[in-house]
Amino acid sequence: MTSDQHGGSCLQSRSAIVMASAIPFQVGAGIVKSIRPDLNGRRLINEESTRTWLVFNGLRHHVTSSPVYDALFRPGVTFDHVPDLDSVAEGPDLGPGTCLVSDSETGEIYLVFGEPSINIRKYAIKTYENFVELGFNEALVRTVPPILLAAIPSGRPIHFAMPA
């Protein structure tokens, strides 16, 4: 190969690189996801009304099925549409086995969820007002001994200022 031929092929390669880098591209999904503490306590539904979400600690958590929904919420709770739902950062799903439990000694209430044997966590609900705002059903809270709760790692407590 002559130096002209080699130089020509290098120029063609450089040209292809420059052209490729001039084409706009997105890294990731292209939607900036935000932690939204202003939505804490809200129950959200997507535009197609097929997926429901619960927001706490600024993250939306997908309620994965009707049995999960029925294990948490009191009858008649409402869900809101948020136009920019996809921009709200997601937390772990509320999937099968998600439940509300109360410590038999202290009375503290926890939301327990996660993948069994992988990342199950208990999240202390710090005030009764937060419990009500989340739409939870007090009749569905199961009382358990403290030794059982001690075996479950803690997640970040659920606590937020109530809307004015």
N, C-alpha and C. Protein backbone atom coordinates (compact mmCIF):
# COMPACT_ATOMS: atom_id res chain seq x y z
N MET A 1 0.84 -1.16 0.00
CA MET A 1 0.00 0.00 0.00
C MET A 1 0.90 1.23 0.00
N THR A 2 0.61 2.20 -0.83
CA THR A 2 1.41 3.42 -0.87
C THR A 2 0.97 4.34 0.24
N SER A 3 1.82 5.35 0.51
CA SER A 3 1.46 6.30 1.57
C SER A 3 0.22 7.09 1.20
N ASP A 4 0.02 7.37 -0.12
CA ASP A 4 -1.19 8.09 -0.53
C ASP A 4 -2.43 7.24 -0.28
N GLN A 5 -2.30 5.94 -0.60
CA GLN A 5 -3.45 5.07 -0.37
C GLN A 5 -3.73 4.95 1.13
N HIS A 6 -2.65 4.84 1.91
CA HIS A 6 -2.82 4.73 3.35
C HIS A 6 -3.42 6.03 3.91
N GLY A 7 -2.88 7.15 3.44
CA GLY A 7 -3.39 8.44 3.90
C GLY A 7 -4.85 8.62 3.51
N GLY A 8 -5.20 8.17 2.31
CA GLY A 8 -6.59 8.28 1.86
C GLY A 8 -7.52 7.47 2.73
N SER A 9 -7.11 6.27 3.08
CA SER A 9 -7.97 5.44 3.92
C SER A 9 -8.09 6.02 5.32
N CYS A 10 -7.03 6.65 5.83
CA CYS A 10 -7.10 7.31 7.13
C CYS A 10 -8.07 8.48 7.09
N LEU A 11 -8.03 9.25 6.00
CA LEU A 11 -8.95 10.38 5.87
C LEU A 11 -10.39 9.90 5.80
N GLN A 12 -10.63 8.81 5.08
CA GLN A 12 -11.98 8.28 5.00
C GLN A 12 -12.45 7.82 6.38
N SER A 13 -11.57 7.19 7.14
CA SER A 13 -11.93 6.74 8.48
C SER A 13 -12.23 7.93 9.37
N ARG A 14 -11.37 8.96 9.30
CA ARG A 14 -11.60 10.15 10.12
C ARG A 14 -12.91 10.82 9.73
N SER A 15 -13.19 10.87 8.45
CA SER A 15 -14.43 11.48 7.98
C SER A 15 -15.63 10.72 8.54
N ALA A 16 -15.59 9.40 8.54
CA ALA A 16 -16.69 8.60 9.06
C ALA A 16 -16.87 8.84 10.56
N ILE A 17 -15.75 8.98 11.29
CA ILE A 17 -15.83 9.25 12.73
C ILE A 17 -16.45 10.61 12.97
N VAL A 18 -16.02 11.62 12.23
CA VAL A 18 -16.57 12.97 12.39
C VAL A 18 -18.06 12.97 12.07
N MET A 19 -18.47 12.31 10.98
CA MET A 19 -19.87 12.26 10.62
C MET A 19 -20.68 11.52 11.68
N ALA A 20 -20.15 10.43 12.20
CA ALA A 20 -20.87 9.67 13.22
C ALA A 20 -21.05 10.49 14.48
N SER A 21 -20.04 11.26 14.86
CA SER A 21 -20.17 12.03 16.09
C SER A 21 -21.03 13.27 15.90
N ALA A 22 -21.31 13.68 14.66
CA ALA A 22 -22.15 14.84 14.42
C ALA A 22 -23.63 14.48 14.51
N ILE A 23 -23.98 13.19 14.45
CA ILE A 23 -25.37 12.76 14.55
C ILE A 23 -25.77 12.79 16.02
N PRO A 24 -26.86 13.50 16.36
CA PRO A 24 -27.27 13.54 17.77
C PRO A 24 -27.62 12.14 18.27
N PHE A 25 -27.29 11.86 19.49
CA PHE A 25 -27.66 10.59 20.09
C PHE A 25 -27.97 10.82 21.56
N GLN A 26 -28.72 9.90 22.09
CA GLN A 26 -29.11 10.01 23.49
C GLN A 26 -28.45 8.89 24.27
N VAL A 27 -28.04 9.22 25.46
CA VAL A 27 -27.52 8.22 26.36
C VAL A 27 -28.66 7.85 27.30
N GLY A 28 -28.97 6.58 27.43
CA GLY A 28 -30.06 6.15 28.29
C GLY A 28 -31.40 6.43 27.64
N ALA A 29 -32.44 6.53 28.45
CA ALA A 29 -33.79 6.71 27.94
C ALA A 29 -34.05 8.14 27.48
N GLY A 30 -33.22 9.08 27.88
CA GLY A 30 -33.41 10.46 27.45
C GLY A 30 -34.35 11.25 28.34
N ILE A 31 -34.96 10.63 29.33
CA ILE A 31 -35.85 11.34 30.25
C ILE A 31 -35.10 11.53 31.55
N VAL A 32 -35.03 12.76 32.00
CA VAL A 32 -34.39 13.04 33.28
C VAL A 32 -35.37 12.67 34.38
N LYS A 33 -34.95 11.78 35.24
CA LYS A 33 -35.80 11.34 36.34
C LYS A 33 -35.44 12.12 37.59
N SER A 34 -36.46 12.57 38.32
CA SER A 34 -36.25 13.41 39.50
C SER A 34 -36.89 12.77 40.73
N ILE A 35 -36.26 12.97 41.86
CA ILE A 35 -36.86 12.61 43.14
C ILE A 35 -37.86 13.71 43.45
N ARG A 36 -39.11 13.33 43.76
CA ARG A 36 -40.19 14.29 43.90
C ARG A 36 -40.86 14.20 45.27
N PRO A 37 -40.24 14.78 46.31
CA PRO A 37 -40.87 14.75 47.63
C PRO A 37 -42.21 15.49 47.66
N ASP A 38 -42.45 16.38 46.71
CA ASP A 38 -43.73 17.08 46.66
C ASP A 38 -44.89 16.14 46.33
N LEU A 39 -44.60 14.94 45.83
CA LEU A 39 -45.63 13.96 45.51
C LEU A 39 -45.81 12.91 46.60
N ASN A 40 -45.05 12.99 47.69
CA ASN A 40 -45.15 12.01 48.77
C ASN A 40 -46.60 11.84 49.22
N GLY A 41 -46.99 10.57 49.38
CA GLY A 41 -48.33 10.26 49.85
C GLY A 41 -49.34 10.14 48.73
N ARG A 42 -48.97 10.50 47.52
CA ARG A 42 -49.91 10.45 46.40
C ARG A 42 -49.92 9.06 45.77
N ARG A 43 -51.08 8.68 45.32
CA ARG A 43 -51.26 7.46 44.57
C ARG A 43 -51.49 7.91 43.13
N LEU A 44 -50.67 7.41 42.23
CA LEU A 44 -50.69 7.89 40.85
C LEU A 44 -51.09 6.78 39.90
N ILE A 45 -51.62 7.18 38.77
CA ILE A 45 -52.00 6.22 37.73
C ILE A 45 -51.48 6.76 36.41
N ASN A 46 -51.02 5.87 35.53
CA ASN A 46 -50.51 6.35 34.24
C ASN A 46 -51.66 6.69 33.31
N GLU A 47 -51.34 7.33 32.21
CA GLU A 47 -52.36 7.82 31.29
C GLU A 47 -53.28 6.72 30.76
N GLU A 48 -52.75 5.52 30.56
CA GLU A 48 -53.56 4.42 30.05
C GLU A 48 -54.39 3.77 31.15
N SER A 49 -54.23 4.23 32.39
CA SER A 49 -54.92 3.68 33.56
C SER A 49 -54.67 2.19 33.73
N THR A 50 -53.47 1.76 33.42
CA THR A 50 -53.14 0.34 33.55
C THR A 50 -52.12 0.08 34.65
N ARG A 51 -51.41 1.09 35.08
CA ARG A 51 -50.39 0.90 36.13
C ARG A 51 -50.62 1.93 37.23
N THR A 52 -50.53 1.46 38.47
CA THR A 52 -50.68 2.37 39.61
C THR A 52 -49.37 2.45 40.37
N TRP A 53 -49.18 3.58 41.02
CA TRP A 53 -47.93 3.88 41.72
C TRP A 53 -48.25 4.51 43.06
N LEU A 54 -47.39 4.29 44.03
CA LEU A 54 -47.45 4.96 45.32
C LEU A 54 -46.15 5.72 45.50
N VAL A 55 -46.24 6.98 45.92
CA VAL A 55 -45.04 7.80 46.08
C VAL A 55 -44.74 7.99 47.56
N PHE A 56 -43.52 7.62 47.94
CA PHE A 56 -42.99 7.96 49.26
C PHE A 56 -41.49 8.10 49.14
N ASN A 57 -40.92 8.88 50.04
CA ASN A 57 -39.49 9.21 49.99
C ASN A 57 -39.09 9.76 48.62
N GLY A 58 -40.05 10.42 47.96
CA GLY A 58 -39.79 11.08 46.68
C GLY A 58 -39.73 10.17 45.47
N LEU A 59 -39.94 8.86 45.67
CA LEU A 59 -39.86 7.88 44.59
C LEU A 59 -41.22 7.26 44.34
N ARG A 60 -41.49 6.91 43.09
CA ARG A 60 -42.73 6.21 42.79
C ARG A 60 -42.45 4.71 42.79
N HIS A 61 -43.38 3.99 43.41
CA HIS A 61 -43.26 2.54 43.54
C HIS A 61 -44.46 1.90 42.86
N HIS A 62 -44.18 1.04 41.89
CA HIS A 62 -45.25 0.39 41.13
C HIS A 62 -45.97 -0.63 41.99
N VAL A 63 -47.30 -0.52 42.05
CA VAL A 63 -48.14 -1.51 42.71
C VAL A 63 -48.43 -2.55 41.63
N THR A 64 -47.81 -3.72 41.75
CA THR A 64 -47.73 -4.65 40.62
C THR A 64 -48.99 -5.45 40.30
N SER A 65 -49.93 -5.55 41.24
CA SER A 65 -51.10 -6.38 40.97
C SER A 65 -52.26 -6.00 41.87
N SER A 66 -53.43 -6.51 41.53
CA SER A 66 -54.62 -6.28 42.36
C SER A 66 -54.47 -6.86 43.76
N PRO A 67 -53.92 -8.08 43.92
CA PRO A 67 -53.74 -8.60 45.28
C PRO A 67 -52.83 -7.71 46.14
N VAL A 68 -51.81 -7.13 45.55
CA VAL A 68 -50.94 -6.21 46.30
C VAL A 68 -51.73 -4.97 46.68
N TYR A 69 -52.46 -4.42 45.74
CA TYR A 69 -53.31 -3.26 46.00
C TYR A 69 -54.27 -3.57 47.16
N ASP A 70 -54.94 -4.72 47.10
CA ASP A 70 -55.92 -5.09 48.12
C ASP A 70 -55.28 -5.33 49.49
N ALA A 71 -53.98 -5.66 49.52
CA ALA A 71 -53.28 -5.91 50.78
C ALA A 71 -52.85 -4.62 51.47
N LEU A 72 -53.01 -3.48 50.80
CA LEU A 72 -52.50 -2.22 51.34
C LEU A 72 -53.55 -1.14 51.55
N PHE A 73 -54.38 -0.92 50.56
CA PHE A 73 -55.19 0.29 50.52
C PHE A 73 -56.61 0.10 51.04
N ARG A 74 -57.12 1.16 51.67
CA ARG A 74 -58.50 1.16 52.13
C ARG A 74 -59.41 1.38 50.91
N PRO A 75 -60.64 0.93 51.00
CA PRO A 75 -61.56 1.13 49.88
C PRO A 75 -61.77 2.62 49.60
N GLY A 76 -61.93 2.92 48.33
CA GLY A 76 -62.27 4.29 47.94
C GLY A 76 -61.11 5.26 47.82
N VAL A 77 -59.86 4.80 47.95
CA VAL A 77 -58.77 5.76 47.78
C VAL A 77 -58.71 6.16 46.31
N THR A 78 -58.32 7.38 46.08
CA THR A 78 -58.29 7.89 44.72
C THR A 78 -56.87 7.91 44.18
N PHE A 79 -56.78 7.89 42.87
CA PHE A 79 -55.49 7.97 42.19
C PHE A 79 -55.49 9.21 41.31
N ASP A 80 -54.35 9.87 41.24
CA ASP A 80 -54.20 11.09 40.46
C ASP A 80 -53.42 10.80 39.19
N HIS A 81 -53.74 11.57 38.15
CA HIS A 81 -52.93 11.56 36.93
C HIS A 81 -51.89 12.65 37.06
N VAL A 82 -50.65 12.35 36.77
CA VAL A 82 -49.58 13.33 36.74
C VAL A 82 -49.03 13.32 35.32
N PRO A 83 -49.08 14.46 34.60
CA PRO A 83 -48.68 14.46 33.20
C PRO A 83 -47.24 14.01 32.95
N ASP A 84 -46.35 14.31 33.87
CA ASP A 84 -44.94 13.96 33.67
C ASP A 84 -44.53 12.78 34.55
N LEU A 85 -45.39 11.78 34.65
CA LEU A 85 -45.15 10.62 35.52
C LEU A 85 -43.81 9.95 35.22
N ASP A 86 -43.43 9.85 33.95
CA ASP A 86 -42.18 9.20 33.58
C ASP A 86 -40.95 9.94 34.09
N SER A 87 -41.11 11.19 34.49
CA SER A 87 -39.97 11.95 34.98
C SER A 87 -39.72 11.74 36.47
N VAL A 88 -40.64 11.04 37.14
CA VAL A 88 -40.49 10.77 38.58
C VAL A 88 -39.62 9.52 38.74
N ALA A 89 -38.57 9.63 39.53
CA ALA A 89 -37.66 8.50 39.75
C ALA A 89 -38.42 7.33 40.38
N GLU A 90 -38.01 6.13 40.00
CA GLU A 90 -38.67 4.92 40.49
C GLU A 90 -37.90 4.28 41.63
N GLY A 91 -38.66 3.77 42.59
CA GLY A 91 -38.11 2.94 43.64
C GLY A 91 -38.51 1.50 43.37
N PRO A 92 -38.19 0.61 44.28
CA PRO A 92 -38.53 -0.80 44.09
C PRO A 92 -40.05 -1.01 43.98
N ASP A 93 -40.44 -2.03 43.22
CA ASP A 93 -41.86 -2.36 43.07
C ASP A 93 -42.45 -2.87 44.37
N LEU A 94 -43.74 -2.61 44.53
CA LEU A 94 -44.52 -3.21 45.60
C LEU A 94 -45.15 -4.45 44.98
N GLY A 95 -44.50 -5.59 45.16
CA GLY A 95 -44.90 -6.83 44.51
C GLY A 95 -45.54 -7.81 45.46
N PRO A 96 -45.71 -9.05 45.01
CA PRO A 96 -46.32 -10.09 45.84
C PRO A 96 -45.62 -10.19 47.20
N GLY A 97 -46.42 -10.33 48.24
CA GLY A 97 -45.89 -10.43 49.59
C GLY A 97 -45.80 -9.09 50.31
N THR A 98 -45.98 -8.00 49.59
CA THR A 98 -45.97 -6.68 50.23
C THR A 98 -47.06 -6.64 51.28
N CYS A 99 -46.73 -6.12 52.47
CA CYS A 99 -47.73 -6.09 53.54
C CYS A 99 -47.42 -4.97 54.54
N LEU A 100 -48.41 -4.73 55.37
CA LEU A 100 -48.28 -3.78 56.48
C LEU A 100 -48.22 -4.58 57.76
N VAL A 101 -47.22 -4.30 58.60
CA VAL A 101 -47.08 -5.02 59.86
C VAL A 101 -46.86 -4.03 60.99
N SER A 102 -47.23 -4.47 62.18
CA SER A 102 -47.08 -3.66 63.39
C SER A 102 -46.28 -4.45 64.42
N ASP A 103 -45.35 -3.78 65.08
CA ASP A 103 -44.57 -4.38 66.15
C ASP A 103 -45.49 -4.60 67.35
N SER A 104 -45.58 -5.83 67.83
CA SER A 104 -46.51 -6.15 68.93
C SER A 104 -46.14 -5.45 70.23
N GLU A 105 -44.90 -5.00 70.39
CA GLU A 105 -44.51 -4.31 71.62
C GLU A 105 -44.61 -2.79 71.51
N THR A 106 -44.16 -2.24 70.40
CA THR A 106 -44.13 -0.78 70.28
C THR A 106 -45.31 -0.20 69.53
N GLY A 107 -45.97 -1.03 68.72
CA GLY A 107 -47.09 -0.55 67.91
C GLY A 107 -46.65 0.17 66.64
N GLU A 108 -45.33 0.31 66.42
CA GLU A 108 -44.85 0.97 65.21
C GLU A 108 -45.27 0.17 63.98
N ILE A 109 -45.71 0.88 62.95
CA ILE A 109 -46.19 0.23 61.73
C ILE A 109 -45.13 0.33 60.64
N TYR A 110 -44.98 -0.76 59.89
CA TYR A 110 -44.00 -0.84 58.81
C TYR A 110 -44.68 -1.28 57.51
N LEU A 111 -44.17 -0.78 56.41
CA LEU A 111 -44.47 -1.31 55.09
C LEU A 111 -43.32 -2.27 54.78
N VAL A 112 -43.63 -3.52 54.48
CA VAL A 112 -42.61 -4.52 54.19
C VAL A 112 -42.76 -4.96 52.74
N PHE A 113 -41.65 -4.87 51.99
CA PHE A 113 -41.68 -5.32 50.61
C PHE A 113 -40.27 -5.58 50.10
N GLY A 114 -40.20 -6.19 48.94
CA GLY A 114 -38.93 -6.52 48.31
C GLY A 114 -38.95 -7.94 47.80
N GLU A 115 -37.88 -8.33 47.17
CA GLU A 115 -37.75 -9.69 46.66
C GLU A 115 -37.32 -10.60 47.81
N PRO A 116 -38.14 -11.58 48.16
CA PRO A 116 -37.77 -12.46 49.27
C PRO A 116 -36.39 -13.08 49.07
N SER A 117 -35.66 -13.14 50.13
CA SER A 117 -34.29 -13.68 50.23
C SER A 117 -33.27 -12.89 49.43
N ILE A 118 -33.67 -11.77 48.83
CA ILE A 118 -32.71 -10.94 48.10
C ILE A 118 -32.60 -9.56 48.74
N ASN A 119 -33.71 -8.82 48.77
CA ASN A 119 -33.64 -7.45 49.26
C ASN A 119 -34.90 -6.99 49.98
N ILE A 120 -35.51 -7.88 50.74
CA ILE A 120 -36.70 -7.49 51.48
C ILE A 120 -36.30 -6.46 52.55
N ARG A 121 -37.14 -5.45 52.72
CA ARG A 121 -36.87 -4.38 53.69
C ARG A 121 -38.17 -3.99 54.40
N LYS A 122 -38.00 -3.44 55.59
CA LYS A 122 -39.14 -2.86 56.31
C LYS A 122 -38.92 -1.35 56.35
N TYR A 123 -40.00 -0.62 56.13
CA TYR A 123 -39.95 0.83 56.11
C TYR A 123 -40.91 1.35 57.17
N ALA A 124 -40.36 1.93 58.23
CA ALA A 124 -41.19 2.46 59.31
C ALA A 124 -42.00 3.64 58.81
N ILE A 125 -43.29 3.60 59.07
CA ILE A 125 -44.16 4.73 58.75
C ILE A 125 -44.22 5.57 60.02
N LYS A 126 -43.59 6.74 59.98
CA LYS A 126 -43.29 7.49 61.19
C LYS A 126 -44.48 8.17 61.85
N THR A 127 -45.53 8.50 61.10
CA THR A 127 -46.68 9.14 61.73
C THR A 127 -47.97 8.51 61.22
N TYR A 128 -48.98 8.59 62.06
CA TYR A 128 -50.29 8.09 61.65
C TYR A 128 -50.84 8.93 60.49
N GLU A 129 -50.54 10.21 60.49
CA GLU A 129 -50.97 11.10 59.40
C GLU A 129 -50.40 10.63 58.06
N ASN A 130 -49.11 10.22 58.06
CA ASN A 130 -48.51 9.70 56.84
C ASN A 130 -49.20 8.40 56.41
N PHE A 131 -49.51 7.54 57.37
CA PHE A 131 -50.20 6.28 57.08
C PHE A 131 -51.52 6.56 56.37
N VAL A 132 -52.29 7.50 56.91
CA VAL A 132 -53.58 7.86 56.32
C VAL A 132 -53.40 8.50 54.95
N GLU A 133 -52.45 9.41 54.82
CA GLU A 133 -52.20 10.09 53.55
C GLU A 133 -51.81 9.10 52.45
N LEU A 134 -51.10 8.05 52.80
CA LEU A 134 -50.70 7.03 51.82
C LEU A 134 -51.89 6.19 51.36
N GLY A 135 -53.00 6.27 52.08
CA GLY A 135 -54.20 5.53 51.69
C GLY A 135 -54.26 4.11 52.24
N PHE A 136 -53.39 3.80 53.22
CA PHE A 136 -53.34 2.46 53.75
C PHE A 136 -54.57 2.14 54.60
N ASN A 137 -54.86 0.85 54.70
CA ASN A 137 -56.01 0.36 55.43
C ASN A 137 -55.55 -0.21 56.77
N GLU A 138 -55.97 0.40 57.85
CA GLU A 138 -55.56 -0.02 59.19
C GLU A 138 -56.01 -1.46 59.50
N ALA A 139 -57.12 -1.88 58.92
CA ALA A 139 -57.62 -3.23 59.16
C ALA A 139 -56.71 -4.31 58.56
N LEU A 140 -55.82 -3.92 57.65
CA LEU A 140 -54.94 -4.88 57.00
C LEU A 140 -53.57 -5.02 57.67
N VAL A 141 -53.34 -4.26 58.72
CA VAL A 141 -52.05 -4.31 59.42
C VAL A 141 -52.00 -5.58 60.27
N ARG A 142 -50.95 -6.37 60.07
CA ARG A 142 -50.76 -7.61 60.83
C ARG A 142 -49.80 -7.35 61.99
N THR A 143 -50.13 -7.80 63.16
CA THR A 143 -49.26 -7.65 64.33
C THR A 143 -48.28 -8.81 64.37
N VAL A 144 -46.99 -8.47 64.52
CA VAL A 144 -45.94 -9.49 64.54
C VAL A 144 -45.02 -9.24 65.73
N PRO A 145 -44.33 -10.28 66.20
CA PRO A 145 -43.41 -10.11 67.32
C PRO A 145 -42.16 -9.35 66.90
N PRO A 146 -41.55 -8.61 67.83
CA PRO A 146 -40.35 -7.83 67.51
C PRO A 146 -39.20 -8.68 66.97
N ILE A 147 -39.11 -9.95 67.40
CA ILE A 147 -38.02 -10.80 66.91
C ILE A 147 -38.12 -11.01 65.40
N LEU A 148 -39.33 -11.07 64.88
CA LEU A 148 -39.51 -11.22 63.44
C LEU A 148 -39.08 -9.94 62.72
N LEU A 149 -39.49 -8.78 63.24
CA LEU A 149 -39.09 -7.51 62.63
C LEU A 149 -37.59 -7.29 62.71
N ALA A 150 -36.96 -7.77 63.78
CA ALA A 150 -35.52 -7.59 63.93
C ALA A 150 -34.74 -8.33 62.84
N ALA A 151 -35.34 -9.35 62.27
CA ALA A 151 -34.67 -10.14 61.23
C ALA A 151 -34.75 -9.49 59.84
N ILE A 152 -35.56 -8.44 59.71
CA ILE A 152 -35.74 -7.78 58.41
C ILE A 152 -34.95 -6.47 58.41
N PRO A 153 -34.04 -6.29 57.44
CA PRO A 153 -33.29 -5.03 57.38
C PRO A 153 -34.23 -3.84 57.17
N SER A 154 -33.82 -2.70 57.69
CA SER A 154 -34.62 -1.48 57.57
C SER A 154 -34.27 -0.70 56.32
N GLY A 155 -35.29 -0.17 55.68
CA GLY A 155 -35.12 0.81 54.62
C GLY A 155 -35.28 2.19 55.23
N ARG A 156 -35.19 3.20 54.40
CA ARG A 156 -35.33 4.58 54.87
C ARG A 156 -36.76 4.80 55.38
N PRO A 157 -36.93 5.31 56.61
CA PRO A 157 -38.28 5.53 57.15
C PRO A 157 -39.12 6.39 56.22
N ILE A 158 -40.41 6.13 56.24
CA ILE A 158 -41.36 6.91 55.46
C ILE A 158 -41.87 8.05 56.34
N HIS A 159 -41.47 9.25 56.01
CA HIS A 159 -41.88 10.42 56.78
C HIS A 159 -41.87 11.62 55.86
N PHE A 160 -42.97 12.34 55.82
CA PHE A 160 -43.05 13.52 54.98
C PHE A 160 -43.99 14.54 55.59
N ALA A 161 -43.76 15.78 55.25
CA ALA A 161 -44.64 16.85 55.73
C ALA A 161 -45.97 16.75 55.02
N MET A 162 -47.02 16.96 55.77
CA MET A 162 -48.37 16.88 55.20
C MET A 162 -48.64 18.14 54.39
N PRO A 163 -49.40 17.98 53.29
CA PRO A 163 -49.73 19.16 52.50
C PRO A 163 -50.57 20.15 53.31
N ALA A 164 -50.36 21.41 53.04
CA ALA A 164 -51.07 22.46 53.80
C ALA A 164 -52.50 22.59 53.34
